[in-house]
Amino acid sequence: MTADEFPHDAQQPGLRSFVIYDELPPGCIAFEDIEGESFPHIRKGELAVVDTRDRELDEGEMYLIQWQTSSRTTLAGLTKRWVNICNPDRSTTPRELWFVGSFAGQQLMTLEGKPCGERIRFMDGPYEDEYVRDILIGRVIGIFAPNSRIAVTPGGLAS
């Protein structure tokens, strides 16, 4: 099959592409995905490059989150959805709020321990903009691989 015959989105639709960095850009930190929560975008054990200066909220983007209720730090995605908020008078007010969750989702299992059905992505929320900004450390912009032959340095392509 030639490149012209191969559909451009046939490999893995919906995947983002991250720059692979040889060294960390200014204002960035590396965070290891030890739990595999951002698969398939970042694989278990890979180091995410997190821009701590970029804390703007964008739906579908990946961020490093530090939960306020625990010491847990994790890679997560943001989704914004309309929800009905219950008022004291039992009426409801529709509001657009944020939900936070892993990319990998959870595999359901049978009682015999066999995988069953599609993976389910659980989300925490709903949250106000201000709370989500408070728990964000920064946006994931790439993968840190200092010994990679295909890495990009801040000045251009690595040799």
N, C-alpha and C. Protein backbone atom coordinates (compact mmCIF):
# COMPACT_ATOMS: atom_id res chain seq x y z
N MET A 1 0.84 -1.17 0.00
CA MET A 1 0.00 0.00 0.00
C MET A 1 0.89 1.24 0.00
N THR A 2 0.60 2.17 -0.88
CA THR A 2 1.38 3.40 -0.95
C THR A 2 0.88 4.38 0.10
N ALA A 3 1.66 5.43 0.35
CA ALA A 3 1.26 6.45 1.32
C ALA A 3 -0.03 7.13 0.90
N ASP A 4 -0.24 7.29 -0.42
CA ASP A 4 -1.47 7.92 -0.90
C ASP A 4 -2.69 7.06 -0.64
N GLU A 5 -2.52 5.73 -0.62
CA GLU A 5 -3.64 4.83 -0.40
C GLU A 5 -3.96 4.64 1.07
N PHE A 6 -3.00 4.99 1.94
CA PHE A 6 -3.16 4.75 3.37
C PHE A 6 -3.91 5.92 4.00
N PRO A 7 -5.07 5.68 4.66
CA PRO A 7 -5.82 6.78 5.27
C PRO A 7 -4.98 7.48 6.34
N HIS A 8 -4.99 8.81 6.33
CA HIS A 8 -4.14 9.57 7.25
C HIS A 8 -4.48 9.36 8.72
N ASP A 9 -5.71 8.94 9.04
CA ASP A 9 -6.09 8.77 10.43
C ASP A 9 -6.33 7.31 10.80
N ALA A 10 -5.84 6.38 9.99
CA ALA A 10 -6.15 4.96 10.19
C ALA A 10 -5.36 4.32 11.33
N GLN A 11 -4.20 4.88 11.67
CA GLN A 11 -3.38 4.21 12.68
C GLN A 11 -4.03 4.23 14.05
N GLN A 12 -4.22 5.38 14.62
CA GLN A 12 -4.85 5.49 15.93
C GLN A 12 -5.56 6.83 16.02
N PRO A 13 -6.78 6.91 15.52
CA PRO A 13 -7.49 8.19 15.54
C PRO A 13 -7.68 8.69 16.96
N GLY A 14 -7.63 10.01 17.12
CA GLY A 14 -7.84 10.59 18.44
C GLY A 14 -6.58 10.75 19.27
N LEU A 15 -5.46 10.20 18.80
CA LEU A 15 -4.22 10.35 19.56
C LEU A 15 -3.58 11.69 19.27
N ARG A 16 -3.00 12.26 20.29
CA ARG A 16 -2.23 13.49 20.11
C ARG A 16 -0.78 13.11 19.83
N SER A 17 -0.05 14.04 19.32
CA SER A 17 1.35 13.79 19.06
C SER A 17 2.15 14.76 19.92
N PHE A 18 3.09 14.24 20.68
CA PHE A 18 3.91 15.06 21.57
C PHE A 18 5.32 15.15 21.02
N VAL A 19 5.93 16.31 21.25
CA VAL A 19 7.35 16.50 20.92
C VAL A 19 8.16 15.71 21.93
N ILE A 20 9.24 15.07 21.45
CA ILE A 20 10.15 14.36 22.34
C ILE A 20 11.35 15.27 22.58
N TYR A 21 11.57 15.60 23.85
CA TYR A 21 12.62 16.56 24.23
C TYR A 21 13.85 15.84 24.75
N ASP A 22 15.03 16.34 24.33
CA ASP A 22 16.32 15.86 24.78
C ASP A 22 16.71 16.54 26.10
N GLU A 23 16.26 17.76 26.27
CA GLU A 23 16.48 18.49 27.52
C GLU A 23 15.21 19.28 27.82
N LEU A 24 15.03 19.58 29.09
CA LEU A 24 13.80 20.28 29.49
C LEU A 24 13.85 21.75 29.09
N PRO A 25 12.79 22.23 28.43
CA PRO A 25 12.72 23.66 28.10
C PRO A 25 12.58 24.49 29.39
N PRO A 26 12.91 25.79 29.33
CA PRO A 26 12.76 26.65 30.50
C PRO A 26 11.31 26.63 31.01
N GLY A 27 11.18 26.61 32.33
CA GLY A 27 9.85 26.62 32.95
C GLY A 27 9.15 25.27 32.96
N CYS A 28 9.86 24.22 32.55
CA CYS A 28 9.25 22.89 32.47
C CYS A 28 9.86 21.94 33.49
N ILE A 29 9.06 20.95 33.87
CA ILE A 29 9.51 19.87 34.75
C ILE A 29 9.17 18.55 34.08
N ALA A 30 9.80 17.47 34.55
CA ALA A 30 9.49 16.12 34.05
C ALA A 30 8.70 15.38 35.13
N PHE A 31 7.71 14.60 34.69
CA PHE A 31 6.89 13.82 35.61
C PHE A 31 6.71 12.43 35.03
N GLU A 32 7.10 11.40 35.81
CA GLU A 32 6.98 10.02 35.34
C GLU A 32 5.56 9.50 35.54
N ASP A 33 5.00 8.93 34.47
CA ASP A 33 3.68 8.31 34.56
C ASP A 33 3.88 6.88 35.07
N ILE A 34 3.91 6.73 36.38
CA ILE A 34 4.18 5.41 36.96
C ILE A 34 2.96 4.50 36.97
N GLU A 35 1.77 5.08 36.80
CA GLU A 35 0.55 4.28 36.84
C GLU A 35 -0.05 4.00 35.47
N GLY A 36 0.47 4.61 34.43
CA GLY A 36 -0.06 4.40 33.09
C GLY A 36 -1.41 5.05 32.87
N GLU A 37 -1.73 6.10 33.62
CA GLU A 37 -3.04 6.75 33.52
C GLU A 37 -3.23 7.59 32.27
N SER A 38 -2.16 7.90 31.56
CA SER A 38 -2.29 8.73 30.36
C SER A 38 -2.11 7.93 29.08
N PHE A 39 -2.07 6.60 29.20
CA PHE A 39 -1.98 5.75 28.02
C PHE A 39 -3.24 5.95 27.17
N PRO A 40 -3.17 6.00 25.89
CA PRO A 40 -2.05 5.69 25.02
C PRO A 40 -1.19 6.89 24.63
N HIS A 41 -1.49 8.07 25.17
CA HIS A 41 -0.74 9.27 24.78
C HIS A 41 0.68 9.25 25.34
N ILE A 42 0.80 8.86 26.59
CA ILE A 42 2.10 8.68 27.24
C ILE A 42 2.06 7.30 27.88
N ARG A 43 3.08 6.51 27.62
CA ARG A 43 3.11 5.14 28.14
C ARG A 43 3.63 5.09 29.56
N LYS A 44 3.24 4.04 30.26
CA LYS A 44 3.69 3.82 31.63
C LYS A 44 5.22 3.86 31.67
N GLY A 45 5.76 4.66 32.59
CA GLY A 45 7.21 4.79 32.73
C GLY A 45 7.81 5.93 31.94
N GLU A 46 7.09 6.49 30.98
CA GLU A 46 7.62 7.63 30.23
C GLU A 46 7.53 8.90 31.08
N LEU A 47 8.38 9.85 30.74
CA LEU A 47 8.43 11.12 31.46
C LEU A 47 7.70 12.19 30.66
N ALA A 48 6.64 12.74 31.23
CA ALA A 48 5.91 13.83 30.59
C ALA A 48 6.66 15.14 30.85
N VAL A 49 6.73 16.00 29.83
CA VAL A 49 7.27 17.34 29.99
C VAL A 49 6.09 18.25 30.30
N VAL A 50 6.15 18.91 31.46
CA VAL A 50 5.05 19.74 31.93
C VAL A 50 5.50 21.19 31.97
N ASP A 51 4.78 22.05 31.23
CA ASP A 51 5.07 23.48 31.23
C ASP A 51 4.32 24.11 32.40
N THR A 52 5.05 24.45 33.46
CA THR A 52 4.42 24.98 34.67
C THR A 52 3.92 26.42 34.49
N ARG A 53 4.31 27.05 33.39
CA ARG A 53 3.84 28.42 33.12
C ARG A 53 2.49 28.42 32.40
N ASP A 54 2.12 27.28 31.81
CA ASP A 54 0.87 27.19 31.04
C ASP A 54 -0.20 26.50 31.87
N ARG A 55 -1.09 27.32 32.43
CA ARG A 55 -2.15 26.78 33.28
C ARG A 55 -3.53 27.22 32.78
N GLU A 56 -3.61 27.54 31.49
CA GLU A 56 -4.90 27.87 30.89
C GLU A 56 -5.72 26.61 30.74
N LEU A 57 -7.02 26.69 30.99
CA LEU A 57 -7.90 25.53 30.93
C LEU A 57 -8.37 25.31 29.49
N ASP A 58 -8.07 24.14 28.94
CA ASP A 58 -8.49 23.77 27.59
C ASP A 58 -9.05 22.35 27.63
N GLU A 59 -10.25 22.20 27.11
CA GLU A 59 -10.88 20.88 27.09
C GLU A 59 -10.08 19.89 26.26
N GLY A 60 -9.92 18.68 26.81
CA GLY A 60 -9.23 17.61 26.11
C GLY A 60 -7.72 17.62 26.26
N GLU A 61 -7.16 18.67 26.83
CA GLU A 61 -5.71 18.74 27.01
C GLU A 61 -5.30 17.92 28.23
N MET A 62 -4.01 17.58 28.29
CA MET A 62 -3.46 16.81 29.41
C MET A 62 -2.69 17.74 30.33
N TYR A 63 -2.91 17.56 31.63
CA TYR A 63 -2.28 18.40 32.65
C TYR A 63 -1.70 17.54 33.76
N LEU A 64 -0.77 18.13 34.50
CA LEU A 64 -0.30 17.52 35.75
C LEU A 64 -1.13 18.17 36.85
N ILE A 65 -1.79 17.31 37.65
CA ILE A 65 -2.73 17.74 38.69
C ILE A 65 -2.17 17.37 40.06
N GLN A 66 -2.26 18.28 41.02
CA GLN A 66 -1.94 18.00 42.42
C GLN A 66 -3.24 18.16 43.20
N TRP A 67 -3.83 17.03 43.60
CA TRP A 67 -5.11 17.08 44.32
C TRP A 67 -4.94 17.75 45.67
N GLN A 68 -5.90 18.59 46.06
CA GLN A 68 -5.85 19.29 47.34
C GLN A 68 -6.24 18.39 48.51
N THR A 69 -7.01 17.35 48.23
CA THR A 69 -7.50 16.48 49.30
C THR A 69 -6.54 15.36 49.65
N SER A 70 -5.45 15.23 48.89
CA SER A 70 -4.45 14.20 49.16
C SER A 70 -3.12 14.67 48.63
N SER A 71 -2.11 13.87 48.81
CA SER A 71 -0.79 14.24 48.28
C SER A 71 -0.60 13.66 46.89
N ARG A 72 -1.66 13.14 46.28
CA ARG A 72 -1.57 12.47 44.99
C ARG A 72 -1.37 13.47 43.85
N THR A 73 -0.39 13.19 43.01
CA THR A 73 -0.13 13.96 41.81
C THR A 73 -0.31 13.02 40.63
N THR A 74 -1.03 13.46 39.61
CA THR A 74 -1.33 12.57 38.49
C THR A 74 -1.49 13.35 37.19
N LEU A 75 -1.32 12.64 36.08
CA LEU A 75 -1.62 13.22 34.77
C LEU A 75 -3.10 13.01 34.50
N ALA A 76 -3.77 14.03 34.01
CA ALA A 76 -5.22 13.93 33.79
C ALA A 76 -5.66 14.83 32.66
N GLY A 77 -6.84 14.51 32.13
CA GLY A 77 -7.45 15.33 31.09
C GLY A 77 -8.61 16.11 31.65
N LEU A 78 -8.99 17.19 30.96
CA LEU A 78 -10.11 18.03 31.37
C LEU A 78 -11.24 17.93 30.35
N THR A 79 -12.46 17.85 30.85
CA THR A 79 -13.65 17.86 30.01
C THR A 79 -14.63 18.84 30.62
N LYS A 80 -15.27 19.64 29.79
CA LYS A 80 -16.25 20.60 30.28
C LYS A 80 -17.63 20.14 29.85
N ARG A 81 -18.57 20.08 30.79
CA ARG A 81 -19.92 19.60 30.51
C ARG A 81 -20.95 20.49 31.20
N TRP A 82 -22.14 20.54 30.60
CA TRP A 82 -23.27 21.24 31.22
C TRP A 82 -23.88 20.32 32.26
N VAL A 83 -24.10 20.85 33.46
CA VAL A 83 -24.76 20.10 34.53
C VAL A 83 -25.81 21.00 35.17
N ASN A 84 -26.80 20.38 35.77
CA ASN A 84 -27.82 21.13 36.50
C ASN A 84 -27.43 21.17 37.97
N ILE A 85 -27.27 22.37 38.50
CA ILE A 85 -26.92 22.57 39.90
C ILE A 85 -28.21 22.79 40.69
N CYS A 86 -28.37 22.04 41.76
CA CYS A 86 -29.56 22.16 42.60
C CYS A 86 -29.45 23.40 43.49
N ASN A 87 -30.50 24.20 43.51
CA ASN A 87 -30.56 25.40 44.33
C ASN A 87 -31.30 25.09 45.63
N PRO A 88 -31.13 25.96 46.66
CA PRO A 88 -31.83 25.72 47.94
C PRO A 88 -33.36 25.58 47.79
N ASP A 89 -33.95 26.25 46.79
CA ASP A 89 -35.40 26.17 46.61
C ASP A 89 -35.81 24.97 45.75
N ARG A 90 -34.88 24.05 45.52
CA ARG A 90 -35.07 22.81 44.75
C ARG A 90 -35.19 23.04 43.25
N SER A 91 -34.98 24.26 42.79
CA SER A 91 -34.91 24.49 41.35
C SER A 91 -33.50 24.14 40.89
N THR A 92 -33.27 24.12 39.59
CA THR A 92 -31.93 23.82 39.08
C THR A 92 -31.46 24.94 38.17
N THR A 93 -30.15 25.10 38.13
CA THR A 93 -29.52 26.09 37.27
C THR A 93 -28.49 25.38 36.41
N PRO A 94 -28.64 25.44 35.07
CA PRO A 94 -27.63 24.80 34.23
C PRO A 94 -26.32 25.60 34.24
N ARG A 95 -25.20 24.90 34.42
CA ARG A 95 -23.88 25.54 34.43
C ARG A 95 -22.90 24.65 33.70
N GLU A 96 -21.94 25.27 33.07
CA GLU A 96 -20.87 24.52 32.40
C GLU A 96 -19.69 24.42 33.36
N LEU A 97 -19.35 23.18 33.76
CA LEU A 97 -18.31 22.95 34.76
C LEU A 97 -17.32 21.90 34.27
N TRP A 98 -16.17 21.82 34.95
CA TRP A 98 -15.08 20.93 34.56
C TRP A 98 -15.17 19.57 35.26
N PHE A 99 -14.74 18.53 34.52
CA PHE A 99 -14.54 17.19 35.07
C PHE A 99 -13.10 16.80 34.77
N VAL A 100 -12.45 16.08 35.70
CA VAL A 100 -11.04 15.71 35.60
C VAL A 100 -10.93 14.19 35.65
N GLY A 101 -10.16 13.61 34.73
CA GLY A 101 -10.01 12.15 34.75
C GLY A 101 -8.82 11.66 33.97
N SER A 102 -8.48 10.40 34.18
CA SER A 102 -7.36 9.80 33.47
C SER A 102 -7.76 9.52 32.02
N PHE A 103 -6.77 9.33 31.17
CA PHE A 103 -7.03 9.01 29.78
C PHE A 103 -7.22 7.51 29.57
N ALA A 104 -6.55 6.70 30.38
CA ALA A 104 -6.54 5.26 30.15
C ALA A 104 -7.87 4.59 30.49
N GLY A 105 -8.55 5.06 31.51
CA GLY A 105 -9.80 4.42 31.91
C GLY A 105 -9.55 3.10 32.63
N GLN A 106 -10.62 2.44 33.01
CA GLN A 106 -10.54 1.19 33.76
C GLN A 106 -11.17 0.06 32.95
N GLN A 107 -10.58 -1.10 33.01
CA GLN A 107 -11.12 -2.28 32.34
C GLN A 107 -12.04 -3.01 33.30
N LEU A 108 -13.29 -3.24 32.89
CA LEU A 108 -14.20 -4.04 33.72
C LEU A 108 -13.79 -5.50 33.65
N MET A 109 -14.00 -6.22 34.75
CA MET A 109 -13.60 -7.63 34.83
C MET A 109 -14.80 -8.48 35.26
N THR A 110 -14.83 -9.71 34.78
CA THR A 110 -15.85 -10.67 35.24
C THR A 110 -15.45 -11.20 36.60
N LEU A 111 -16.33 -11.94 37.24
CA LEU A 111 -15.99 -12.55 38.54
C LEU A 111 -14.84 -13.54 38.42
N GLU A 112 -14.64 -14.06 37.20
CA GLU A 112 -13.53 -14.99 36.95
C GLU A 112 -12.23 -14.27 36.65
N GLY A 113 -12.26 -12.94 36.64
CA GLY A 113 -11.04 -12.16 36.40
C GLY A 113 -10.71 -11.95 34.94
N LYS A 114 -11.68 -12.13 34.04
CA LYS A 114 -11.46 -11.93 32.61
C LYS A 114 -11.97 -10.55 32.20
N PRO A 115 -11.25 -9.87 31.28
CA PRO A 115 -11.72 -8.56 30.80
C PRO A 115 -13.10 -8.68 30.17
N CYS A 116 -13.90 -7.63 30.39
CA CYS A 116 -15.28 -7.64 29.91
C CYS A 116 -15.63 -6.25 29.38
N GLY A 117 -16.06 -6.17 28.14
CA GLY A 117 -16.52 -4.90 27.57
C GLY A 117 -15.41 -3.90 27.31
N GLU A 118 -15.83 -2.69 27.00
CA GLU A 118 -14.90 -1.59 26.71
C GLU A 118 -14.38 -0.97 28.01
N ARG A 119 -13.25 -0.28 27.91
CA ARG A 119 -12.71 0.44 29.06
C ARG A 119 -13.65 1.60 29.40
N ILE A 120 -13.78 1.91 30.68
CA ILE A 120 -14.63 3.00 31.15
C ILE A 120 -13.73 4.08 31.74
N ARG A 121 -13.96 5.31 31.33
CA ARG A 121 -13.19 6.43 31.85
C ARG A 121 -13.98 7.12 32.96
N PHE A 122 -13.47 7.04 34.18
CA PHE A 122 -14.12 7.69 35.32
C PHE A 122 -13.60 9.11 35.44
N MET A 123 -14.48 10.03 35.82
CA MET A 123 -14.13 11.44 35.95
C MET A 123 -14.52 11.94 37.33
N ASP A 124 -13.72 12.87 37.88
CA ASP A 124 -14.06 13.57 39.11
C ASP A 124 -14.65 14.92 38.74
N GLY A 125 -15.61 15.37 39.50
CA GLY A 125 -16.21 16.67 39.23
C GLY A 125 -17.65 16.68 39.67
N PRO A 126 -18.37 17.71 39.39
CA PRO A 126 -17.98 18.91 38.63
C PRO A 126 -17.19 19.90 39.49
N TYR A 127 -16.32 20.68 38.80
CA TYR A 127 -15.49 21.67 39.47
C TYR A 127 -15.60 23.01 38.76
N GLU A 128 -15.49 24.08 39.55
CA GLU A 128 -15.44 25.45 39.04
C GLU A 128 -14.06 25.71 38.43
N ASP A 129 -14.00 26.70 37.53
CA ASP A 129 -12.72 27.09 36.90
C ASP A 129 -11.64 27.35 37.95
N GLU A 130 -11.99 28.12 38.98
CA GLU A 130 -11.01 28.51 39.99
C GLU A 130 -10.38 27.30 40.68
N TYR A 131 -11.19 26.31 41.04
CA TYR A 131 -10.65 25.12 41.70
C TYR A 131 -9.71 24.36 40.77
N VAL A 132 -10.10 24.20 39.51
CA VAL A 132 -9.27 23.46 38.56
C VAL A 132 -7.93 24.18 38.37
N ARG A 133 -7.95 25.51 38.27
CA ARG A 133 -6.70 26.26 38.15
C ARG A 133 -5.82 26.06 39.39
N ASP A 134 -6.46 25.95 40.56
CA ASP A 134 -5.70 25.77 41.81
C ASP A 134 -4.98 24.42 41.86
N ILE A 135 -5.54 23.38 41.25
CA ILE A 135 -4.91 22.06 41.33
C ILE A 135 -3.98 21.76 40.15
N LEU A 136 -3.97 22.63 39.14
CA LEU A 136 -3.09 22.42 37.98
C LEU A 136 -1.66 22.82 38.31
N ILE A 137 -0.72 21.93 37.98
CA ILE A 137 0.70 22.27 38.06
C ILE A 137 1.14 22.83 36.72
N GLY A 138 0.61 22.28 35.63
CA GLY A 138 0.94 22.77 34.29
C GLY A 138 0.43 21.83 33.21
N ARG A 139 0.53 22.29 31.96
CA ARG A 139 0.08 21.53 30.80
C ARG A 139 1.20 20.62 30.30
N VAL A 140 0.84 19.40 29.89
CA VAL A 140 1.81 18.48 29.31
C VAL A 140 2.05 18.91 27.86
N ILE A 141 3.33 19.12 27.52
CA ILE A 141 3.67 19.58 26.17
C ILE A 141 4.53 18.58 25.40
N GLY A 142 5.01 17.54 26.07
CA GLY A 142 5.87 16.59 25.37
C GLY A 142 6.31 15.44 26.25
N ILE A 143 7.28 14.71 25.73
CA ILE A 143 7.87 13.56 26.43
C ILE A 143 9.36 13.82 26.58
N PHE A 144 9.89 13.59 27.78
CA PHE A 144 11.31 13.80 28.05
C PHE A 144 12.05 12.49 27.85
N ALA A 145 12.96 12.48 26.88
CA ALA A 145 13.77 11.29 26.57
C ALA A 145 15.18 11.76 26.27
N PRO A 146 16.00 12.01 27.32
CA PRO A 146 17.31 12.63 27.12
C PRO A 146 18.27 11.83 26.25
N ASN A 147 18.10 10.53 26.15
CA ASN A 147 19.01 9.72 25.34
C ASN A 147 18.41 9.29 24.01
N SER A 148 17.30 9.90 23.64
CA SER A 148 16.61 9.53 22.40
C SER A 148 17.33 10.12 21.19
N ARG A 149 17.41 9.33 20.13
CA ARG A 149 18.02 9.81 18.89
C ARG A 149 17.07 10.69 18.10
N ILE A 150 15.76 10.70 18.47
CA ILE A 150 14.81 11.52 17.73
C ILE A 150 14.35 12.73 18.54
N ALA A 151 15.01 13.00 19.64
CA ALA A 151 14.58 14.10 20.52
C ALA A 151 14.86 15.45 19.88
N VAL A 152 14.11 16.44 20.32
CA VAL A 152 14.28 17.82 19.90
C VAL A 152 14.88 18.59 21.07
N THR A 153 15.89 19.39 20.79
CA THR A 153 16.45 20.26 21.82
C THR A 153 15.77 21.60 21.66
N PRO A 154 15.83 22.47 22.67
CA PRO A 154 15.20 23.77 22.53
C PRO A 154 15.69 24.56 21.31
N GLY A 155 16.90 24.28 20.82
CA GLY A 155 17.43 24.98 19.67
C GLY A 155 17.10 24.34 18.32
N GLY A 156 16.48 23.20 18.31
CA GLY A 156 16.15 22.52 17.06
C GLY A 156 16.32 21.02 17.16
N LEU A 157 16.47 20.36 16.02
CA LEU A 157 16.58 18.91 16.00
C LEU A 157 17.91 18.45 16.57
N ALA A 158 17.87 17.37 17.33
CA ALA A 158 19.09 16.79 17.88
C ALA A 158 19.81 16.03 16.78
N SER A 159 21.10 15.95 16.88
CA SER A 159 21.86 15.21 15.85
C SER A 159 22.11 13.80 16.27
